[in-house]
C-alpha atoms as a PDB file:
ATOM      1  CA  MET A   1     -11.459  16.799  -4.465  1.00  0.00           C
ATOM      2  CA  GLN A   2     -12.356  16.665  -7.770  1.00  0.00           C
ATOM      3  CA  VAL A   3     -12.612  13.639  -9.931  1.00  0.00           C
ATOM      4  CA  ALA A   4     -11.182  12.931 -13.382  1.00  0.00           C
ATOM      5  CA  PRO A   5     -13.143  11.281 -15.658  1.00  0.00           C
ATOM      6  CA  LEU A   6     -11.105   8.294 -16.903  1.00  0.00           C
ATOM      7  CA  VAL A   7     -11.995   7.558 -20.274  1.00  0.00           C
ATOM      8  CA  GLY A   8      -8.982   8.040 -23.473  1.00  0.00           C
ATOM      9  CA  ARG A   9      -6.486   8.416 -21.153  1.00  0.00           C
ATOM     10  CA  PRO A  10      -4.062   6.714 -19.268  1.00  0.00           C
ATOM     11  CA  VAL A  11      -3.555   7.023 -15.455  1.00  0.00           C
ATOM     12  CA  ALA A  12      -0.064   7.807 -13.916  1.00  0.00           C
ATOM     13  CA  ALA A  13       0.960   5.515 -10.829  1.00  0.00           C
ATOM     14  CA  ARG A  14       1.048   8.396  -9.070  1.00  0.00           C
ATOM     15  CA  GLU A  15      -2.570   9.207  -9.551  1.00  0.00           C
ATOM     16  CA  VAL A  16      -3.806   6.192  -8.293  1.00  0.00           C
ATOM     17  CA  LEU A  17      -1.627   7.135  -5.251  1.00  0.00           C
ATOM     18  CA  GLY A  18      -3.149   9.803  -4.823  1.00  0.00           C
ATOM     19  CA  TRP A  19      -6.153   8.394  -4.892  1.00  0.00           C
ATOM     20  CA  ALA A  20      -5.749   5.364  -2.646  1.00  0.00           C
ATOM     21  CA  THR A  21      -4.063   7.743  -0.071  1.00  0.00           C
ATOM     22  CA  ALA A  22      -5.216  11.365  -0.156  1.00  0.00           C
ATOM     23  CA  GLY A  23      -8.647  11.193  -2.067  1.00  0.00           C
ATOM     24  CA  SER A  24      -9.896   8.020   0.116  1.00  0.00           C
ATOM     25  CA  ALA A  25      -9.034   9.881   3.398  1.00  0.00           C
ATOM     26  CA  ALA A  26     -10.835  12.858   2.064  1.00  0.00           C
ATOM     27  CA  GLY A  27     -13.398  10.601   0.997  1.00  0.00           C
ATOM     28  CA  LEU A  28     -13.878   9.134   4.578  1.00  0.00           C
ATOM     29  CA  GLY A  29     -13.980  12.283   6.154  1.00  0.00           C
ATOM     30  CA  ARG A  30     -11.178  11.631   7.441  1.00  0.00           C
ATOM     31  CA  PRO A  31      -8.124  15.230   7.185  1.00  0.00           C
ATOM     32  CA  GLU A  32      -6.026  13.059   9.615  1.00  0.00           C
ATOM     33  CA  LEU A  33      -5.871  10.047   7.287  1.00  0.00           C
ATOM     34  CA  GLY A  34      -3.927   9.825   3.636  1.00  0.00           C
ATOM     35  CA  HIS A  35      -0.688  11.861   4.265  1.00  0.00           C
ATOM     36  CA  LEU A  36       2.848  12.268   6.261  1.00  0.00           C
ATOM     37  CA  ALA A  37       2.816  15.813   7.976  1.00  0.00           C
ATOM     38  CA  PRO A  38       2.973  16.644  11.846  1.00  0.00           C
ATOM     39  CA  GLY A  39       0.364  15.204  14.248  1.00  0.00           C
ATOM     40  CA  ALA A  40      -1.298  13.014  10.738  1.00  0.00           C
ATOM     41  CA  ALA A  41      -2.222   9.264  12.086  1.00  0.00           C
ATOM     42  CA  ALA A  42      -0.391   8.041   9.188  1.00  0.00           C
ATOM     43  CA  ASP A  43       0.343   4.109   8.184  1.00  0.00           C
ATOM     44  CA  LEU A  44       3.713   3.399   5.683  1.00  0.00           C
ATOM     45  CA  ALA A  45       4.527   0.340   3.440  1.00  0.00           C
ATOM     46  CA  CYS A  46       7.722   0.086   2.290  1.00  0.00           C
ATOM     47  CA  TRP A  47       8.822  -2.312  -0.697  1.00  0.00           C
ATOM     48  CA  ASP A  48      12.486  -3.314  -1.928  1.00  0.00           C
ATOM     49  CA  VAL A  49      11.862  -1.322  -5.472  1.00  0.00           C
ATOM     50  CA  THR A  50      16.211  -2.817  -5.783  1.00  0.00           C
ATOM     51  CA  GLY A  51      15.374  -6.896  -7.298  1.00  0.00           C
ATOM     52  CA  VAL A  52      14.957  -7.589 -10.600  1.00  0.00           C
ATOM     53  CA  ALA A  53      11.604  -7.645 -11.335  1.00  0.00           C
ATOM     54  CA  ASP A  54      12.297  -3.271 -10.741  1.00  0.00           C
ATOM     55  CA  ALA A  55      14.921  -3.105 -13.724  1.00  0.00           C
ATOM     56  CA  GLY A  56      14.690  -1.085 -16.148  1.00  0.00           C
ATOM     57  CA  VAL A  57      11.767   0.740 -14.018  1.00  0.00           C
ATOM     58  CA  ALA A  58      12.143   4.392 -15.014  1.00  0.00           C
ATOM     59  CA  ASP A  59       9.484   5.624 -11.880  1.00  0.00           C
ATOM     60  CA  PRO A  60       9.487   3.291  -8.738  1.00  0.00           C
ATOM     61  CA  LEU A  61       6.125   3.734  -8.089  1.00  0.00           C
ATOM     62  CA  ALA A  62       5.067   2.794 -11.033  1.00  0.00           C
ATOM     63  CA  GLY A  63       6.924  -0.155 -10.917  1.00  0.00           C
ATOM     64  CA  LEU A  64       5.486  -0.933  -7.953  1.00  0.00           C
ATOM     65  CA  LEU A  65       1.683  -0.674  -9.688  1.00  0.00           C
ATOM     66  CA  TRP A  66       2.614  -2.511 -13.109  1.00  0.00           C
ATOM     67  CA  ALA A  67       5.981  -4.071 -13.237  1.00  0.00           C
ATOM     68  CA  SER A  68       5.416  -6.671  -9.889  1.00  0.00           C
ATOM     69  CA  PRO A  69       1.871  -5.988  -8.507  1.00  0.00           C
ATOM     70  CA  GLY A  70       1.207  -7.902  -5.844  1.00  0.00           C
ATOM     71  CA  ARG A  71       4.584  -8.410  -4.178  1.00  0.00           C
ATOM     72  CA  ARG A  72       4.738  -8.166  -0.226  1.00  0.00           C
ATOM     73  CA  PRO A  73       5.250  -5.246   1.527  1.00  0.00           C
ATOM     74  CA  LYS A  74       9.113  -5.413   3.227  1.00  0.00           C
ATOM     75  CA  HIS A  75       7.854  -3.244   6.429  1.00  0.00           C
ATOM     76  CA  VAL A  76       4.415  -2.192   7.324  1.00  0.00           C
ATOM     77  CA  VAL A  77       4.254   0.752  10.062  1.00  0.00           C
ATOM     78  CA  VAL A  78       0.799   0.390  10.945  1.00  0.00           C
ATOM     79  CA  ALA A  79      -0.440   2.998  13.863  1.00  0.00           C
ATOM     80  CA  GLY A  80       3.171   3.781  14.861  1.00  0.00           C
ATOM     81  CA  ARG A  81       3.155  -0.121  15.139  1.00  0.00           C
ATOM     82  CA  VAL A  82       5.884  -1.831  13.046  1.00  0.00           C
ATOM     83  CA  VAL A  83       3.649  -5.025  11.967  1.00  0.00           C
ATOM     84  CA  VAL A  84       5.697  -6.577   8.916  1.00  0.00           C
ATOM     85  CA  HIS A  85       9.580  -6.344   8.855  1.00  0.00           C
ATOM     86  CA  ASP A  86      12.037  -7.944   6.734  1.00  0.00           C
ATOM     87  CA  GLY A  87       8.459  -9.008   4.766  1.00  0.00           C
ATOM     88  CA  GLU A  88       7.692 -11.329   7.899  1.00  0.00           C
ATOM     89  CA  LEU A  89       4.674 -10.763  10.537  1.00  0.00           C
ATOM     90  CA  THR A  90       5.986  -9.373  13.717  1.00  0.00           C
ATOM     91  CA  GLY A  91       2.491 -10.296  15.650  1.00  0.00           C
ATOM     92  CA  ARG A  92       1.559 -13.777  15.279  1.00  0.00           C
ATOM     93  CA  PRO A  93       3.122 -16.735  12.906  1.00  0.00           C
ATOM     94  CA  GLU A  94       2.322 -16.985   9.342  1.00  0.00           C
ATOM     95  CA  PRO A  95       1.060 -20.280   8.809  1.00  0.00           C
ATOM     96  CA  GLU A  96      -1.732 -19.262  11.889  1.00  0.00           C
ATOM     97  CA  VAL A  97      -2.984 -16.305  10.015  1.00  0.00           C
ATOM     98  CA  ALA A  98      -3.043 -17.896   6.836  1.00  0.00           C
ATOM     99  CA  ALA A  99      -5.406 -20.810   8.535  1.00  0.00           C
ATOM    100  CA  ALA A 100      -8.035 -18.700  11.160  1.00  0.00           C
ATOM    101  CA  LEU A 101      -8.469 -16.876   7.718  1.00  0.00           C
ATOM    102  CA  CYS A 102      -8.858 -20.255   5.700  1.00  0.00           C
ATOM    103  CA  ALA A 103     -11.081 -21.119   8.391  1.00  0.00           C
ATOM    104  CA  VAL A 104     -13.196 -17.557   8.558  1.00  0.00           C
ATOM    105  CA  LEU A 105     -13.626 -18.230   4.336  1.00  0.00           C
ATOM    106  CA  THR A 106     -14.485 -21.334   4.616  1.00  0.00           C
ATOM    107  CA  ARG A 107     -17.248 -20.912   7.110  1.00  0.00           C
END
């Protein structure tokens, strides 16, 4: 994969998505990752882009990156297992996960 220089040009959201998916999978030497295809080990994250944060955004992908960055995904599937459904963690209560993370970070 060839990487284009970034100096002096805007970066398109779809280019960033390519870096984060197929580009990072290629960098890791993992051809089964980074794309959606039969037999691929794909994870999936879905965001609701119908709210006011996305009103007037012509490209929903660009809106995810720049109109309202940091928003929580609506659904996440990892290795075929749903780990977030309707914005809520499915495996453990979120306060429990947050407390465990805080404990690790304060050590």
